[in-house]
Amino acid sequence: MSAGLVVFGSFAVLLFLGVPIALSLGMASVITLLYENLPLSIIPANLYSSTGKFVLLAIPFFILGGNIMEKSGISSRLIDFAKTLVGHKKSGMAMVCVIVACFFAAISGSGPATVAALGMIIIPAMTQVGYDKASSTALMSTAGAIGIVIPPSITFVIYGSITGNSVGQLFAAGLVPGILMGVVLVVAMQFVSRKWEIETIPKATGAERWAAFKDAFWGIMMPVIILGGIYGGIFTPTEAAAVAALYGLLVGFFIYKTLKLQDLMTILKDSVSQTAVVMFIVGTASLFSWVLTVTGVASAASNTLITMVGGNKILFLLVVNIILLIAGCFIDANSAMYIILPILYPVATALGIDPVHLGAIMVLNMAIGLVTPPVGINLYTGCGIANISLKEISKAVLPFVFASLLVLILVTYVPAVSTWLPSLISN
């Protein structure tokens, strides 16, 4: 276990010193390789093999597609359409926030991107009708976390690349939990705002709804094309990501006509930068995962976990959730997959737990991690948009975290919530 102390100890110290997570993973791996007298020459080959997978090509294309649709004005169109549907209801703007977050999540596949794209419009709109600013920002941040649960999801792509499970099946596993998460967030906001004086907007006419639908139609069609193509057997998830990017270009340039040639360079630069961040984390986290495996740390931890739970699935899943919720407070979703999955996956397999079910549990935990301090990236994104402190939003987000935990418990102990749709599609 000395190697385990070295790898996890050095990683913890580096994080405590404020070293970025990706660098902490890479440096901890190098330190452990030196401690174990393993050649450093294996690092380049490991980095290349971990990032040079066909399935991971979906990541840059989904990022590109999301950036294109964000710049083409799809956000405001989706919001306007949602307003015509539910804006007149009590807590209507909370519903708008969650509905549009789910739609945009199905375009971007990223939690922070969803918050950034929608927050600047939705948060002011909610405060204007009487919602508290901190609670509005907390709801937007938590709704944005649905971005890694609702398909397509970059985190599910990474889980599939690590375990070899079908990405299409994993996407399907996230659909129902993502929708349930949206429902409980609306209920939670209704509870939080029950004593506030919330204004409602006039009910839209049929003509207004039809006009808003036509305006938002091409944006709505993007997730339909992506998911319909995957489950219709027309293209793979990676090919679907490329189709999404091309579709976004056609919509932005020729239908909405909101994109200009000069915008393309900005979109490409942003997409390359975001992809580089994700892939650098993938590379160093994969190296960390390999070190855990080759030094025997992963197998030792797995065996310890098997002994501790004694073959009890309920206890194992409880331990899984505790580990992931704690990890989500400190590390990002993609890093957590590479660090924790080599330990949990063999145990889950030995206990007969469906890998797709485990994937849904892990991704839902990581979604909650996006809004739990001190490293809740969605919270920081929301704070930057709304200009409020982390202390304010950390308090306001608690009801939404609690609501999300209820969905996590349901998904954990009722496997059919996440597995019935993948099984239906596979049949």
Protein backbone atom coordinates (compact mmCIF):
# COMPACT_ATOMS: atom_id res chain seq x y z
CA MET A 1 0.00 0.00 0.00
CA SER A 2 3.05 2.29 0.06
CA ALA A 3 2.48 3.12 -3.61
CA GLY A 4 -1.07 4.08 -2.75
CA LEU A 5 0.14 6.47 -0.06
CA VAL A 6 2.58 8.02 -2.50
CA VAL A 7 0.15 8.49 -5.37
CA PHE A 8 -2.84 9.71 -3.35
CA GLY A 9 -0.71 11.57 -0.80
CA SER A 10 1.20 13.54 -3.43
CA PHE A 11 -2.05 14.25 -5.31
CA ALA A 12 -3.71 15.57 -2.15
CA VAL A 13 -0.71 17.76 -1.26
CA LEU A 14 -0.59 19.25 -4.77
CA LEU A 15 -4.30 20.03 -4.67
CA PHE A 16 -3.88 21.64 -1.25
CA LEU A 17 -1.10 23.82 -2.66
CA GLY A 18 -3.47 25.05 -5.36
CA VAL A 19 -1.93 23.20 -8.30
CA PRO A 20 -4.53 22.70 -11.10
CA ILE A 21 -6.16 19.28 -11.05
CA ALA A 22 -4.75 18.15 -14.40
CA LEU A 23 -1.19 19.04 -13.36
CA SER A 24 -1.73 17.46 -9.94
CA LEU A 25 -2.77 14.19 -11.57
CA GLY A 26 0.21 14.20 -13.92
CA MET A 27 2.79 15.17 -11.28
CA ALA A 28 1.45 12.63 -8.78
CA SER A 29 1.76 9.97 -11.48
CA VAL A 30 5.36 10.94 -12.26
CA ILE A 31 6.30 10.94 -8.56
CA THR A 32 4.84 7.45 -8.16
CA LEU A 33 6.62 6.15 -11.27
CA LEU A 34 9.92 7.43 -9.86
CA TYR A 35 9.15 5.89 -6.46
CA GLU A 36 8.40 2.54 -8.09
CA ASN A 37 11.47 2.76 -10.37
CA LEU A 38 9.28 2.53 -13.47
CA PRO A 39 10.57 4.13 -16.69
CA LEU A 40 9.24 7.61 -17.49
CA SER A 41 9.43 6.72 -21.18
CA ILE A 42 6.00 5.08 -20.89
CA ILE A 43 4.34 8.45 -20.32
CA PRO A 44 4.19 9.66 -23.98
CA ALA A 45 2.80 6.33 -25.18
CA ASN A 46 0.22 6.31 -22.41
CA LEU A 47 -0.89 9.88 -23.11
CA TYR A 48 -1.23 9.13 -26.81
CA SER A 49 -3.14 5.88 -26.36
CA SER A 50 -5.53 7.42 -23.86
CA THR A 51 -6.44 10.41 -26.01
CA GLY A 52 -6.22 8.79 -29.44
CA LYS A 53 -9.52 6.90 -29.20
CA PHE A 54 -12.17 7.24 -31.89
CA VAL A 55 -14.99 7.61 -29.38
CA LEU A 56 -13.27 10.65 -27.83
CA LEU A 57 -13.53 12.51 -31.16
CA ALA A 58 -17.11 13.17 -30.08
CA ILE A 59 -15.84 15.63 -27.46
CA PRO A 60 -14.40 18.36 -29.74
CA PHE A 61 -17.34 18.05 -32.13
CA PHE A 62 -19.96 18.36 -29.37
CA ILE A 63 -18.06 21.35 -27.95
CA LEU A 64 -17.91 22.93 -31.41
CA GLY A 65 -21.61 22.27 -32.05
CA GLY A 66 -22.56 23.79 -28.70
CA ASN A 67 -20.45 26.92 -29.33
CA ILE A 68 -21.94 27.35 -32.78
CA MET A 69 -25.50 27.13 -31.51
CA GLU A 70 -24.71 29.46 -28.60
CA LYS A 71 -23.30 32.12 -30.95
CA SER A 72 -26.17 31.70 -33.41
CA GLY A 73 -28.75 32.95 -30.92
CA ILE A 74 -30.45 29.65 -30.14
CA SER A 75 -30.46 30.46 -26.40
CA SER A 76 -32.81 33.43 -26.65
CA ARG A 77 -35.10 31.60 -29.10
CA LEU A 78 -35.46 28.60 -26.79
CA ILE A 79 -36.18 30.91 -23.85
CA ASP A 80 -38.83 32.83 -25.78
CA PHE A 81 -40.54 29.59 -26.83
CA ALA A 82 -40.51 28.21 -23.29
CA LYS A 83 -42.00 31.47 -22.01
CA THR A 84 -44.98 31.11 -24.34
CA LEU A 85 -45.61 27.62 -22.98
CA VAL A 86 -45.29 28.04 -19.20
CA GLY A 87 -44.36 31.67 -18.52
CA HIS A 88 -47.88 32.52 -17.37
CA LYS A 89 -47.96 29.82 -14.68
CA LYS A 90 -46.95 30.24 -11.04
CA SER A 91 -43.20 29.58 -10.92
CA GLY A 92 -43.34 29.87 -14.70
CA MET A 93 -39.88 31.45 -15.00
CA ALA A 94 -38.40 28.65 -12.88
CA MET A 95 -39.95 26.19 -15.34
CA VAL A 96 -38.54 28.18 -18.24
CA CYS A 97 -35.09 28.01 -16.65
CA VAL A 98 -35.17 24.24 -16.25
CA ILE A 99 -36.86 23.45 -19.59
CA VAL A 100 -34.40 25.54 -21.58
CA ALA A 101 -31.48 24.13 -19.59
CA CYS A 102 -32.57 20.61 -20.56
CA PHE A 103 -32.86 21.62 -24.22
CA PHE A 104 -29.52 23.39 -24.29
CA ALA A 105 -27.93 20.51 -22.41
CA ALA A 106 -28.96 18.30 -25.29
CA ILE A 107 -26.97 20.62 -27.56
CA SER A 108 -23.83 21.40 -25.59
CA GLY A 109 -23.35 18.27 -23.43
CA SER A 110 -21.65 20.49 -20.83
CA GLY A 111 -22.83 21.90 -17.52
CA PRO A 112 -20.75 25.11 -17.38
CA ALA A 113 -21.51 25.85 -21.04
CA THR A 114 -25.24 25.60 -20.33
CA VAL A 115 -24.98 28.03 -17.40
CA ALA A 116 -22.83 30.47 -19.38
CA ALA A 117 -25.11 30.44 -22.43
CA LEU A 118 -28.41 30.82 -20.58
CA GLY A 119 -27.57 32.55 -17.32
CA MET A 120 -27.08 36.04 -18.73
CA ILE A 121 -30.67 35.97 -20.04
CA ILE A 122 -32.57 33.87 -17.51
CA ILE A 123 -31.17 35.17 -14.20
CA PRO A 124 -32.12 38.83 -14.88
CA ALA A 125 -35.52 37.69 -16.19
CA MET A 126 -36.20 35.77 -12.98
CA THR A 127 -35.15 38.59 -10.67
CA GLN A 128 -37.31 41.00 -12.68
CA VAL A 129 -40.48 39.07 -11.80
CA GLY A 130 -39.63 38.78 -8.09
CA TYR A 131 -37.24 35.87 -7.59
CA ASP A 132 -34.28 36.27 -5.25
CA LYS A 133 -31.05 36.81 -7.17
CA ALA A 134 -29.04 34.21 -5.26
CA SER A 135 -31.77 31.56 -5.59
CA SER A 136 -32.22 32.33 -9.28
CA THR A 137 -28.49 31.90 -9.84
CA ALA A 138 -28.46 28.71 -7.77
CA LEU A 139 -31.35 27.26 -9.80
CA MET A 140 -29.63 28.17 -13.08
CA SER A 141 -26.36 26.61 -11.90
CA THR A 142 -28.07 23.40 -10.78
CA ALA A 143 -30.23 23.20 -13.90
CA GLY A 144 -27.05 23.66 -15.93
CA ALA A 145 -25.64 20.55 -14.25
CA ILE A 146 -28.29 18.56 -16.12
CA GLY A 147 -26.00 19.20 -19.09
CA ILE A 148 -23.83 16.21 -18.17
CA VAL A 149 -26.84 13.94 -17.53
CA ILE A 150 -29.13 14.63 -20.49
CA PRO A 151 -27.67 13.18 -23.72
CA PRO A 152 -25.40 13.93 -25.42
CA SER A 153 -23.03 14.08 -22.45
CA ILE A 154 -19.26 14.44 -22.62
CA THR A 155 -18.98 12.68 -19.25
CA PHE A 156 -20.89 9.65 -20.57
CA VAL A 157 -18.56 9.60 -23.58
CA ILE A 158 -15.57 9.39 -21.23
CA TYR A 159 -17.22 6.68 -19.12
CA GLY A 160 -17.86 4.68 -22.29
CA SER A 161 -14.27 5.13 -23.49
CA ILE A 162 -12.92 3.83 -20.16
CA THR A 163 -15.25 0.86 -19.73
CA GLY A 164 -15.95 -0.03 -23.36
CA ASN A 165 -19.72 0.22 -22.88
CA SER A 166 -21.95 1.55 -25.64
CA VAL A 167 -22.08 5.34 -25.55
CA GLY A 168 -25.53 5.22 -27.13
CA GLN A 169 -26.80 3.03 -24.29
CA LEU A 170 -25.25 5.36 -21.75
CA PHE A 171 -26.87 8.37 -23.40
CA ALA A 172 -30.25 6.66 -23.10
CA ALA A 173 -29.57 5.92 -19.43
CA GLY A 174 -29.24 9.63 -18.68
CA LEU A 175 -32.48 10.79 -20.28
CA VAL A 176 -35.03 9.85 -17.58
CA PRO A 177 -32.79 10.82 -14.61
CA GLY A 178 -32.10 14.16 -16.30
CA ILE A 179 -35.80 14.88 -16.76
CA LEU A 180 -36.53 13.84 -13.16
CA MET A 181 -33.80 16.16 -11.96
CA GLY A 182 -35.45 19.01 -13.85
CA VAL A 183 -38.85 18.25 -12.29
CA VAL A 184 -37.55 18.20 -8.71
CA LEU A 185 -35.65 21.46 -9.25
CA VAL A 186 -38.89 23.20 -10.24
CA VAL A 187 -40.64 21.76 -7.18
CA ALA A 188 -37.76 22.89 -4.97
CA MET A 189 -37.97 26.42 -6.37
CA GLN A 190 -41.72 26.48 -5.76
CA PHE A 191 -41.02 25.60 -2.12
CA VAL A 192 -38.25 28.20 -1.75
CA SER A 193 -40.33 30.98 -3.34
CA ARG A 194 -43.67 30.11 -1.71
CA LYS A 195 -43.74 33.37 0.31
CA TRP A 196 -42.41 35.66 -2.42
CA GLU A 197 -44.53 37.94 -4.56
CA ILE A 198 -43.88 36.48 -7.98
CA GLU A 199 -45.30 38.22 -11.02
CA THR A 200 -46.55 36.19 -13.97
CA ILE A 201 -46.44 37.20 -17.60
CA PRO A 202 -49.64 37.26 -19.69
CA LYS A 203 -50.64 33.92 -21.19
CA ALA A 204 -49.45 33.64 -24.77
CA THR A 205 -51.96 33.21 -27.55
CA GLY A 206 -51.89 30.28 -29.92
CA ALA A 207 -50.46 32.52 -32.63
CA GLU A 208 -47.66 33.71 -30.33
CA ARG A 209 -46.78 30.16 -29.38
CA TRP A 210 -46.72 29.09 -33.01
CA ALA A 211 -44.51 32.03 -33.95
CA ALA A 212 -42.09 31.27 -31.10
CA PHE A 213 -42.02 27.59 -32.05
CA LYS A 214 -41.20 28.38 -35.66
CA ASP A 215 -38.42 30.70 -34.55
CA ALA A 216 -36.92 28.07 -32.22
CA PHE A 217 -37.64 25.08 -34.49
CA TRP A 218 -34.15 24.67 -35.94
CA GLY A 219 -32.57 24.77 -32.50
CA ILE A 220 -35.06 22.24 -31.16
CA MET A 221 -34.26 19.93 -34.07
CA MET A 222 -30.58 19.69 -33.18
CA PRO A 223 -30.95 17.22 -30.27
CA VAL A 224 -33.65 15.40 -32.26
CA ILE A 225 -31.21 14.86 -35.12
CA ILE A 226 -28.39 13.83 -32.78
CA LEU A 227 -30.36 11.32 -30.72
CA GLY A 228 -32.62 10.18 -33.54
CA GLY A 229 -29.59 9.45 -35.70
CA ILE A 230 -27.84 7.50 -32.95
CA TYR A 231 -30.82 5.36 -31.92
CA GLY A 232 -32.02 5.01 -35.49
CA GLY A 233 -28.70 3.38 -36.35
CA ILE A 234 -27.87 6.10 -38.89
CA PHE A 235 -24.59 7.13 -37.26
CA THR A 236 -22.42 6.53 -34.21
CA PRO A 237 -22.23 9.02 -31.31
CA THR A 238 -18.94 10.33 -32.72
CA GLU A 239 -20.44 10.80 -36.17
CA ALA A 240 -23.50 12.38 -34.54
CA ALA A 241 -21.25 14.98 -32.91
CA ALA A 242 -19.75 15.88 -36.29
CA VAL A 243 -23.23 16.09 -37.84
CA ALA A 244 -24.30 18.39 -34.98
CA ALA A 245 -21.41 20.77 -35.68
CA LEU A 246 -22.19 20.85 -39.41
CA TYR A 247 -25.90 21.30 -38.71
CA GLY A 248 -25.12 24.20 -36.39
CA LEU A 249 -23.07 25.92 -39.10
CA LEU A 250 -25.86 25.55 -41.66
CA VAL A 251 -28.46 26.92 -39.23
CA GLY A 252 -26.27 29.79 -38.06
CA PHE A 253 -25.15 30.93 -41.52
CA PHE A 254 -28.10 30.18 -43.79
CA ILE A 255 -31.28 29.93 -41.65
CA TYR A 256 -30.90 32.26 -38.66
CA LYS A 257 -28.21 34.23 -40.52
CA THR A 258 -26.76 35.38 -37.20
CA LEU A 259 -23.26 34.02 -37.85
CA LYS A 260 -20.66 35.87 -39.89
CA LEU A 261 -17.36 34.61 -41.23
CA GLN A 262 -15.49 36.61 -38.63
CA ASP A 263 -17.46 34.79 -35.90
CA LEU A 264 -16.16 31.46 -37.13
CA MET A 265 -12.60 32.15 -36.01
CA THR A 266 -13.79 33.05 -32.49
CA ILE A 267 -15.92 29.91 -32.35
CA LEU A 268 -13.03 27.73 -33.47
CA LYS A 269 -10.61 29.33 -31.00
CA ASP A 270 -13.05 28.85 -28.12
CA SER A 271 -13.72 25.25 -29.14
CA VAL A 272 -10.02 24.42 -29.45
CA SER A 273 -9.31 25.98 -26.05
CA GLN A 274 -12.15 24.10 -24.33
CA THR A 275 -11.21 20.84 -26.06
CA ALA A 276 -7.58 21.24 -25.00
CA VAL A 277 -8.63 21.63 -21.36
CA VAL A 278 -10.80 18.49 -21.47
CA MET A 279 -8.26 16.38 -23.36
CA PHE A 280 -5.37 17.47 -21.13
CA ILE A 281 -7.39 16.29 -18.14
CA VAL A 282 -8.21 13.05 -19.98
CA GLY A 283 -4.52 12.46 -20.72
CA THR A 284 -3.17 13.09 -17.22
CA ALA A 285 -6.12 11.36 -15.53
CA SER A 286 -5.59 8.32 -17.76
CA LEU A 287 -1.95 8.23 -16.74
CA PHE A 288 -3.00 8.44 -13.09
CA SER A 289 -5.47 5.60 -13.64
CA TRP A 290 -2.77 3.48 -15.33
CA VAL A 291 -0.41 4.08 -12.41
CA LEU A 292 -3.12 2.95 -9.99
CA THR A 293 -3.54 -0.23 -12.01
CA VAL A 294 0.10 -1.12 -12.67
CA THR A 295 1.15 -0.54 -9.05
CA GLY A 296 -1.69 -2.71 -7.77
CA VAL A 297 -3.34 0.15 -5.87
CA ALA A 298 -6.62 -0.16 -7.78
CA SER A 299 -6.93 -3.92 -7.27
CA ALA A 300 -6.01 -3.63 -3.57
CA ALA A 301 -8.61 -0.90 -3.07
CA SER A 302 -11.20 -2.96 -4.96
CA ASN A 303 -10.50 -6.02 -2.82
CA THR A 304 -10.75 -3.94 0.34
CA LEU A 305 -14.07 -2.53 -0.84
CA ILE A 306 -15.42 -6.02 -1.65
CA THR A 307 -14.46 -7.22 1.83
CA MET A 308 -16.00 -4.14 3.45
CA VAL A 309 -19.40 -4.47 1.73
CA GLY A 310 -19.46 -8.25 2.03
CA GLY A 311 -21.31 -8.76 -1.24
CA ASN A 312 -24.16 -6.43 -0.21
CA LYS A 313 -25.24 -4.39 -3.25
CA ILE A 314 -27.22 -1.88 -1.21
CA LEU A 315 -24.24 -1.14 1.02
CA PHE A 316 -21.88 -0.97 -1.96
CA LEU A 317 -24.06 1.54 -3.79
CA LEU A 318 -24.28 3.63 -0.62
CA VAL A 319 -20.49 3.65 -0.37
CA VAL A 320 -20.24 4.54 -4.06
CA ASN A 321 -22.48 7.56 -3.59
CA ILE A 322 -20.61 8.75 -0.50
CA ILE A 323 -17.26 8.46 -2.27
CA LEU A 324 -18.48 10.23 -5.40
CA LEU A 325 -20.28 13.03 -3.56
CA ILE A 326 -17.14 13.78 -1.55
CA ALA A 327 -14.96 13.55 -4.66
CA GLY A 328 -17.32 15.89 -6.53
CA CYS A 329 -16.61 18.60 -3.97
CA PHE A 330 -12.93 18.67 -4.93
CA ILE A 331 -12.35 17.31 -8.45
CA ASP A 332 -14.09 17.63 -11.80
CA ALA A 333 -16.26 14.92 -13.32
CA ASN A 334 -13.80 13.77 -15.97
CA SER A 335 -10.91 13.41 -13.52
CA ALA A 336 -13.14 11.54 -11.06
CA MET A 337 -14.03 9.01 -13.74
CA TYR A 338 -10.40 8.06 -14.30
CA ILE A 339 -9.44 8.08 -10.63
CA ILE A 340 -12.39 6.25 -9.09
CA LEU A 341 -13.73 4.04 -11.89
CA PRO A 342 -10.76 1.59 -11.88
CA ILE A 343 -11.60 0.90 -8.23
CA LEU A 344 -15.39 0.78 -8.40
CA TYR A 345 -15.95 -0.91 -11.76
CA PRO A 346 -14.42 -4.35 -10.90
CA VAL A 347 -16.42 -4.46 -7.67
CA ALA A 348 -19.65 -3.50 -9.42
CA THR A 349 -19.04 -6.16 -12.06
CA ALA A 350 -18.35 -8.79 -9.40
CA LEU A 351 -21.61 -7.88 -7.64
CA GLY A 352 -23.58 -8.15 -10.89
CA ILE A 353 -24.45 -4.46 -11.16
CA ASP A 354 -25.35 -3.31 -14.67
CA PRO A 355 -22.47 -1.14 -16.01
CA VAL A 356 -25.03 1.20 -17.59
CA HIS A 357 -26.73 1.61 -14.21
CA LEU A 358 -23.37 2.34 -12.57
CA GLY A 359 -22.65 4.92 -15.28
CA ALA A 360 -25.92 6.73 -14.58
CA ILE A 361 -25.17 6.78 -10.84
CA MET A 362 -21.67 8.13 -11.39
CA VAL A 363 -22.70 10.85 -13.82
CA LEU A 364 -25.59 11.97 -11.60
CA ASN A 365 -23.16 12.23 -8.68
CA MET A 366 -20.80 14.27 -10.81
CA ALA A 367 -23.66 16.57 -11.83
CA ILE A 368 -24.32 17.29 -8.16
CA GLY A 369 -20.58 17.86 -7.77
CA LEU A 370 -20.83 20.74 -10.25
CA VAL A 371 -22.77 22.73 -7.65
CA THR A 372 -21.07 21.67 -4.41
CA PRO A 373 -18.30 23.92 -3.02
CA PRO A 374 -15.40 24.38 -2.93
CA VAL A 375 -14.84 23.28 -6.55
CA GLY A 376 -18.37 23.54 -7.98
CA ILE A 377 -17.55 24.98 -11.38
CA ASN A 378 -21.20 25.77 -12.19
CA LEU A 379 -21.41 27.86 -9.02
CA TYR A 380 -18.38 29.90 -10.04
CA THR A 381 -19.84 30.36 -13.51
CA GLY A 382 -23.16 31.51 -12.01
CA CYS A 383 -21.41 33.86 -9.57
CA GLY A 384 -19.51 35.48 -12.40
CA ILE A 385 -22.67 36.05 -14.42
CA ALA A 386 -24.84 37.32 -11.55
CA ASN A 387 -22.05 39.16 -9.71
CA ILE A 388 -22.78 37.55 -6.34
CA SER A 389 -20.46 35.93 -3.80
CA LEU A 390 -19.75 32.23 -3.46
CA LYS A 391 -21.06 32.43 0.13
CA GLU A 392 -24.45 33.70 -1.06
CA ILE A 393 -24.90 31.07 -3.75
CA SER A 394 -23.57 28.24 -1.55
CA LYS A 395 -26.43 28.85 0.89
CA ALA A 396 -29.05 29.35 -1.82
CA VAL A 397 -28.10 26.14 -3.67
CA LEU A 398 -28.78 23.82 -0.70
CA PRO A 399 -32.50 23.14 -1.50
CA PHE A 400 -31.60 22.26 -5.08
CA VAL A 401 -28.77 19.96 -4.00
CA PHE A 402 -31.18 18.22 -1.61
CA ALA A 403 -33.74 17.81 -4.41
CA SER A 404 -31.05 16.37 -6.70
CA LEU A 405 -30.03 13.92 -3.97
CA LEU A 406 -33.59 12.55 -3.93
CA VAL A 407 -33.26 11.75 -7.64
CA LEU A 408 -29.85 10.18 -6.98
CA ILE A 409 -31.35 7.89 -4.33
CA LEU A 410 -34.15 6.89 -6.70
CA VAL A 411 -31.77 6.16 -9.57
CA THR A 412 -29.41 4.26 -7.26
CA TYR A 413 -31.93 1.88 -5.72
CA VAL A 414 -34.45 1.61 -8.56
CA PRO A 415 -32.21 0.55 -11.47
CA ALA A 416 -35.08 0.54 -13.96
CA VAL A 417 -35.18 4.35 -13.84
CA SER A 418 -31.93 4.44 -15.79
CA THR A 419 -31.87 1.02 -17.48
CA TRP A 420 -35.36 0.51 -18.93
CA LEU A 421 -34.86 2.92 -21.82
CA PRO A 422 -31.46 1.48 -22.88
CA SER A 423 -32.91 -2.02 -22.71
CA LEU A 424 -35.93 -0.91 -24.74
CA ILE A 425 -33.70 0.59 -27.43
CA SER A 426 -31.38 -2.42 -27.54
CA ASN A 427 -34.35 -4.70 -28.09
